[in-house]
Amino acid sequence: MEFLPYSYSALFQNKKNDLTTITASITIFTQGFATSGLLNEIHKPTILVPALQSEWLIMHVSMMILSYAALLCGSLLSVALLVITFRNIFIVLKVIIY
């Protein structure tokens, strides 16, 4: 899990812009969450099957929620780009026709 924050740092180390700030924040959060003792301190219920008693379950679920949120944002942005593009094409065609 520690490879992810270090790869983010290596990719954006020389570039100084807003993306660097966002990436640094993600790196610090991921590194802190992965190395914190939070995962070991969580009480494991005994009524769950052994696969659900893993200490990686919380990490997995939180990353899946974040990835679905990123997928949703990307989908909305792509639909917005399509709408803007086709609206501009329609305006240009309207000007050419008239």
N, C-alpha and C. Protein backbone atom coordinates (compact mmCIF):
# COMPACT_ATOMS: atom_id res chain seq x y z
N MET A 1 0.82 -1.20 0.00
CA MET A 1 0.00 0.00 0.00
C MET A 1 0.86 1.26 0.00
N GLU A 2 2.08 1.13 0.44
CA GLU A 2 2.93 2.30 0.50
C GLU A 2 3.47 2.70 -0.86
N PHE A 3 3.35 1.83 -1.87
CA PHE A 3 3.83 2.16 -3.20
C PHE A 3 3.01 3.28 -3.82
N LEU A 4 1.72 3.30 -3.57
CA LEU A 4 0.83 4.30 -4.18
C LEU A 4 1.21 5.74 -3.83
N PRO A 5 1.38 6.08 -2.55
CA PRO A 5 1.75 7.47 -2.26
C PRO A 5 3.12 7.85 -2.79
N TYR A 6 4.07 6.92 -2.74
CA TYR A 6 5.40 7.24 -3.24
C TYR A 6 5.40 7.41 -4.75
N SER A 7 4.58 6.65 -5.46
CA SER A 7 4.51 6.83 -6.91
C SER A 7 3.86 8.17 -7.25
N TYR A 8 2.84 8.58 -6.48
CA TYR A 8 2.26 9.91 -6.69
C TYR A 8 3.31 11.00 -6.47
N SER A 9 4.11 10.84 -5.44
CA SER A 9 5.13 11.85 -5.16
C SER A 9 6.17 11.90 -6.26
N ALA A 10 6.57 10.74 -6.75
CA ALA A 10 7.59 10.69 -7.80
C ALA A 10 7.08 11.27 -9.11
N LEU A 11 5.82 11.05 -9.42
CA LEU A 11 5.27 11.55 -10.68
C LEU A 11 5.19 13.07 -10.73
N PHE A 12 4.80 13.67 -9.63
CA PHE A 12 4.53 15.10 -9.62
C PHE A 12 5.53 15.89 -8.79
N GLN A 13 6.73 15.36 -8.62
CA GLN A 13 7.71 16.02 -7.77
C GLN A 13 8.25 17.30 -8.41
N ASN A 14 8.50 17.29 -9.71
CA ASN A 14 9.11 18.44 -10.36
C ASN A 14 8.11 19.48 -10.84
N LYS A 15 6.85 19.16 -10.87
CA LYS A 15 5.84 20.08 -11.37
C LYS A 15 5.22 20.84 -10.20
N LYS A 16 5.25 22.15 -10.27
CA LYS A 16 4.71 22.97 -9.20
C LYS A 16 3.43 23.65 -9.69
N ASN A 17 2.30 23.06 -9.37
CA ASN A 17 1.01 23.65 -9.73
C ASN A 17 -0.04 23.16 -8.75
N ASP A 18 -1.30 23.40 -9.05
CA ASP A 18 -2.38 23.00 -8.15
C ASP A 18 -2.48 21.49 -8.03
N LEU A 19 -2.14 20.78 -9.10
CA LEU A 19 -2.20 19.32 -9.07
C LEU A 19 -1.20 18.76 -8.06
N THR A 20 -0.06 19.43 -7.91
CA THR A 20 0.93 19.00 -6.92
C THR A 20 0.37 19.10 -5.51
N THR A 21 -0.36 20.16 -5.23
CA THR A 21 -0.95 20.34 -3.91
C THR A 21 -1.98 19.25 -3.62
N ILE A 22 -2.82 18.96 -4.59
CA ILE A 22 -3.83 17.92 -4.43
C ILE A 22 -3.17 16.56 -4.25
N THR A 23 -2.16 16.29 -5.07
CA THR A 23 -1.48 15.00 -5.01
C THR A 23 -0.74 14.84 -3.69
N ALA A 24 -0.12 15.90 -3.21
CA ALA A 24 0.58 15.83 -1.92
C ALA A 24 -0.40 15.55 -0.79
N SER A 25 -1.57 16.15 -0.84
CA SER A 25 -2.58 15.90 0.19
C SER A 25 -3.04 14.45 0.16
N ILE A 26 -3.28 13.93 -1.05
CA ILE A 26 -3.69 12.53 -1.18
C ILE A 26 -2.59 11.61 -0.68
N THR A 27 -1.34 11.95 -1.00
CA THR A 27 -0.21 11.13 -0.57
C THR A 27 -0.11 11.08 0.95
N ILE A 28 -0.22 12.22 1.58
CA ILE A 28 -0.12 12.27 3.04
C ILE A 28 -1.27 11.51 3.68
N PHE A 29 -2.49 11.68 3.17
CA PHE A 29 -3.65 10.99 3.72
C PHE A 29 -3.51 9.48 3.55
N THR A 30 -3.11 9.03 2.37
CA THR A 30 -2.99 7.59 2.11
C THR A 30 -1.90 6.98 2.98
N GLN A 31 -0.76 7.66 3.07
CA GLN A 31 0.34 7.15 3.89
C GLN A 31 -0.06 7.10 5.36
N GLY A 32 -0.73 8.13 5.83
CA GLY A 32 -1.15 8.15 7.23
C GLY A 32 -2.18 7.08 7.55
N PHE A 33 -3.13 6.88 6.63
CA PHE A 33 -4.16 5.87 6.86
C PHE A 33 -3.58 4.46 6.82
N ALA A 34 -2.64 4.24 5.89
CA ALA A 34 -2.06 2.90 5.74
C ALA A 34 -1.18 2.53 6.93
N THR A 35 -0.50 3.50 7.51
CA THR A 35 0.42 3.20 8.60
C THR A 35 -0.17 3.46 9.99
N SER A 36 -1.39 3.94 10.05
CA SER A 36 -1.98 4.21 11.36
C SER A 36 -2.37 2.90 12.04
N GLY A 37 -2.54 2.96 13.31
CA GLY A 37 -2.94 1.79 14.06
C GLY A 37 -4.43 1.57 14.06
N LEU A 38 -5.17 2.36 13.28
CA LEU A 38 -6.62 2.28 13.25
C LEU A 38 -7.10 0.90 12.82
N LEU A 39 -6.43 0.34 11.83
CA LEU A 39 -6.88 -0.94 11.31
C LEU A 39 -6.71 -2.07 12.33
N ASN A 40 -5.72 -1.96 13.18
CA ASN A 40 -5.48 -3.02 14.17
C ASN A 40 -6.37 -2.88 15.40
N GLU A 41 -6.87 -1.68 15.66
CA GLU A 41 -7.65 -1.44 16.87
C GLU A 41 -9.13 -1.71 16.70
N ILE A 42 -9.56 -1.98 15.51
CA ILE A 42 -10.99 -2.18 15.26
C ILE A 42 -11.40 -3.54 15.81
N HIS A 43 -12.51 -3.51 16.54
CA HIS A 43 -13.03 -4.75 17.12
C HIS A 43 -13.61 -5.62 16.02
N LYS A 44 -13.19 -6.88 15.98
CA LYS A 44 -13.67 -7.81 14.96
C LYS A 44 -14.85 -8.60 15.51
N PRO A 45 -16.02 -8.44 14.92
CA PRO A 45 -17.16 -9.25 15.36
C PRO A 45 -16.93 -10.72 15.02
N THR A 46 -17.39 -11.59 15.86
CA THR A 46 -17.17 -13.01 15.63
C THR A 46 -18.28 -13.65 14.81
N ILE A 47 -19.37 -12.93 14.55
CA ILE A 47 -20.46 -13.54 13.80
C ILE A 47 -20.24 -13.45 12.29
N LEU A 48 -19.22 -12.71 11.85
CA LEU A 48 -18.94 -12.59 10.43
C LEU A 48 -18.11 -13.77 9.94
N VAL A 49 -18.22 -14.05 8.66
CA VAL A 49 -17.37 -15.08 8.07
C VAL A 49 -15.93 -14.59 8.11
N PRO A 50 -14.96 -15.49 8.07
CA PRO A 50 -13.56 -15.07 8.20
C PRO A 50 -13.10 -14.07 7.14
N ALA A 51 -13.65 -14.13 5.94
CA ALA A 51 -13.23 -13.19 4.89
C ALA A 51 -13.61 -11.76 5.25
N LEU A 52 -14.71 -11.58 5.98
CA LEU A 52 -15.15 -10.24 6.36
C LEU A 52 -14.53 -9.75 7.66
N GLN A 53 -13.76 -10.59 8.33
CA GLN A 53 -13.09 -10.19 9.56
C GLN A 53 -11.69 -9.65 9.30
N SER A 54 -11.33 -9.50 8.05
CA SER A 54 -10.01 -9.01 7.69
C SER A 54 -9.85 -7.55 8.08
N GLU A 55 -8.64 -7.17 8.47
CA GLU A 55 -8.38 -5.78 8.81
C GLU A 55 -8.29 -4.90 7.56
N TRP A 56 -8.22 -5.50 6.39
CA TRP A 56 -8.17 -4.75 5.14
C TRP A 56 -9.56 -4.42 4.61
N LEU A 57 -10.60 -4.89 5.27
CA LEU A 57 -11.96 -4.66 4.78
C LEU A 57 -12.30 -3.18 4.76
N ILE A 58 -11.96 -2.45 5.80
CA ILE A 58 -12.27 -1.02 5.86
C ILE A 58 -11.50 -0.26 4.80
N MET A 59 -10.23 -0.60 4.62
CA MET A 59 -9.42 0.04 3.58
C MET A 59 -10.02 -0.23 2.20
N HIS A 60 -10.41 -1.47 1.96
CA HIS A 60 -10.97 -1.86 0.67
C HIS A 60 -12.29 -1.12 0.40
N VAL A 61 -13.15 -1.10 1.37
CA VAL A 61 -14.46 -0.45 1.19
C VAL A 61 -14.30 1.05 0.99
N SER A 62 -13.43 1.69 1.77
CA SER A 62 -13.25 3.14 1.61
C SER A 62 -12.64 3.48 0.26
N MET A 63 -11.70 2.69 -0.22
CA MET A 63 -11.12 2.93 -1.54
C MET A 63 -12.13 2.67 -2.66
N MET A 64 -13.00 1.69 -2.47
CA MET A 64 -14.03 1.43 -3.49
C MET A 64 -15.03 2.58 -3.55
N ILE A 65 -15.38 3.14 -2.40
CA ILE A 65 -16.30 4.28 -2.39
C ILE A 65 -15.66 5.48 -3.09
N LEU A 66 -14.38 5.73 -2.79
CA LEU A 66 -13.68 6.83 -3.45
C LEU A 66 -13.56 6.61 -4.95
N SER A 67 -13.31 5.38 -5.37
CA SER A 67 -13.17 5.12 -6.80
C SER A 67 -14.51 5.23 -7.52
N TYR A 68 -15.59 4.81 -6.88
CA TYR A 68 -16.91 5.00 -7.49
C TYR A 68 -17.26 6.49 -7.58
N ALA A 69 -16.85 7.27 -6.58
CA ALA A 69 -17.09 8.71 -6.64
C ALA A 69 -16.28 9.34 -7.78
N ALA A 70 -15.04 8.89 -7.95
CA ALA A 70 -14.22 9.41 -9.06
C ALA A 70 -14.81 9.00 -10.40
N LEU A 71 -15.32 7.78 -10.49
CA LEU A 71 -15.96 7.33 -11.73
C LEU A 71 -17.20 8.16 -12.04
N LEU A 72 -17.99 8.46 -11.03
CA LEU A 72 -19.18 9.28 -11.23
C LEU A 72 -18.81 10.69 -11.68
N CYS A 73 -17.80 11.28 -11.04
CA CYS A 73 -17.37 12.63 -11.44
C CYS A 73 -16.84 12.63 -12.87
N GLY A 74 -16.06 11.62 -13.23
CA GLY A 74 -15.55 11.53 -14.60
C GLY A 74 -16.66 11.35 -15.61
N SER A 75 -17.65 10.56 -15.28
CA SER A 75 -18.78 10.35 -16.19
C SER A 75 -19.57 11.64 -16.38
N LEU A 76 -19.81 12.36 -15.29
CA LEU A 76 -20.54 13.63 -15.39
C LEU A 76 -19.76 14.66 -16.20
N LEU A 77 -18.45 14.70 -15.99
CA LEU A 77 -17.64 15.64 -16.76
C LEU A 77 -17.62 15.29 -18.25
N SER A 78 -17.58 14.00 -18.57
CA SER A 78 -17.57 13.61 -19.98
C SER A 78 -18.91 13.92 -20.65
N VAL A 79 -20.01 13.72 -19.93
CA VAL A 79 -21.32 14.08 -20.49
C VAL A 79 -21.41 15.59 -20.67
N ALA A 80 -20.89 16.35 -19.71
CA ALA A 80 -20.90 17.82 -19.85
C ALA A 80 -20.06 18.25 -21.05
N LEU A 81 -18.93 17.60 -21.26
CA LEU A 81 -18.09 17.93 -22.42
C LEU A 81 -18.81 17.62 -23.72
N LEU A 82 -19.50 16.49 -23.77
CA LEU A 82 -20.26 16.15 -24.97
C LEU A 82 -21.37 17.17 -25.23
N VAL A 83 -22.07 17.57 -24.20
CA VAL A 83 -23.15 18.55 -24.37
C VAL A 83 -22.59 19.87 -24.87
N ILE A 84 -21.50 20.34 -24.28
CA ILE A 84 -20.89 21.60 -24.71
C ILE A 84 -20.39 21.51 -26.14
N THR A 85 -19.75 20.40 -26.49
CA THR A 85 -19.23 20.22 -27.85
C THR A 85 -20.34 20.21 -28.87
N PHE A 86 -21.38 19.42 -28.63
CA PHE A 86 -22.47 19.34 -29.59
C PHE A 86 -23.26 20.65 -29.66
N ARG A 87 -23.34 21.37 -28.56
CA ARG A 87 -24.02 22.66 -28.58
C ARG A 87 -23.24 23.65 -29.45
N ASN A 88 -21.90 23.63 -29.33
CA ASN A 88 -21.08 24.51 -30.16
C ASN A 88 -21.17 24.12 -31.64
N ILE A 89 -21.17 22.83 -31.93
CA ILE A 89 -21.31 22.38 -33.32
C ILE A 89 -22.66 22.81 -33.87
N PHE A 90 -23.70 22.68 -33.07
CA PHE A 90 -25.04 23.07 -33.51
C PHE A 90 -25.10 24.57 -33.80
N ILE A 91 -24.45 25.38 -32.96
CA ILE A 91 -24.44 26.83 -33.17
C ILE A 91 -23.69 27.17 -34.46
N VAL A 92 -22.55 26.52 -34.69
CA VAL A 92 -21.77 26.77 -35.91
C VAL A 92 -22.56 26.37 -37.14
N LEU A 93 -23.22 25.22 -37.10
CA LEU A 93 -24.02 24.78 -38.24
C LEU A 93 -25.21 25.72 -38.48
N LYS A 94 -25.78 26.23 -37.42
CA LYS A 94 -26.91 27.15 -37.55
C LYS A 94 -26.47 28.45 -38.23
N VAL A 95 -25.26 28.92 -37.87
CA VAL A 95 -24.73 30.14 -38.48
C VAL A 95 -24.41 29.90 -39.95
N ILE A 96 -23.87 28.73 -40.29
CA ILE A 96 -23.52 28.42 -41.67
C ILE A 96 -24.77 28.31 -42.53
N ILE A 97 -25.81 27.70 -42.02
CA ILE A 97 -27.03 27.49 -42.79
C ILE A 97 -27.74 28.82 -43.05
N TYR A 98 -27.76 29.71 -42.07
CA TYR A 98 -28.50 30.97 -42.23
C TYR A 98 -27.54 31.98 -42.70
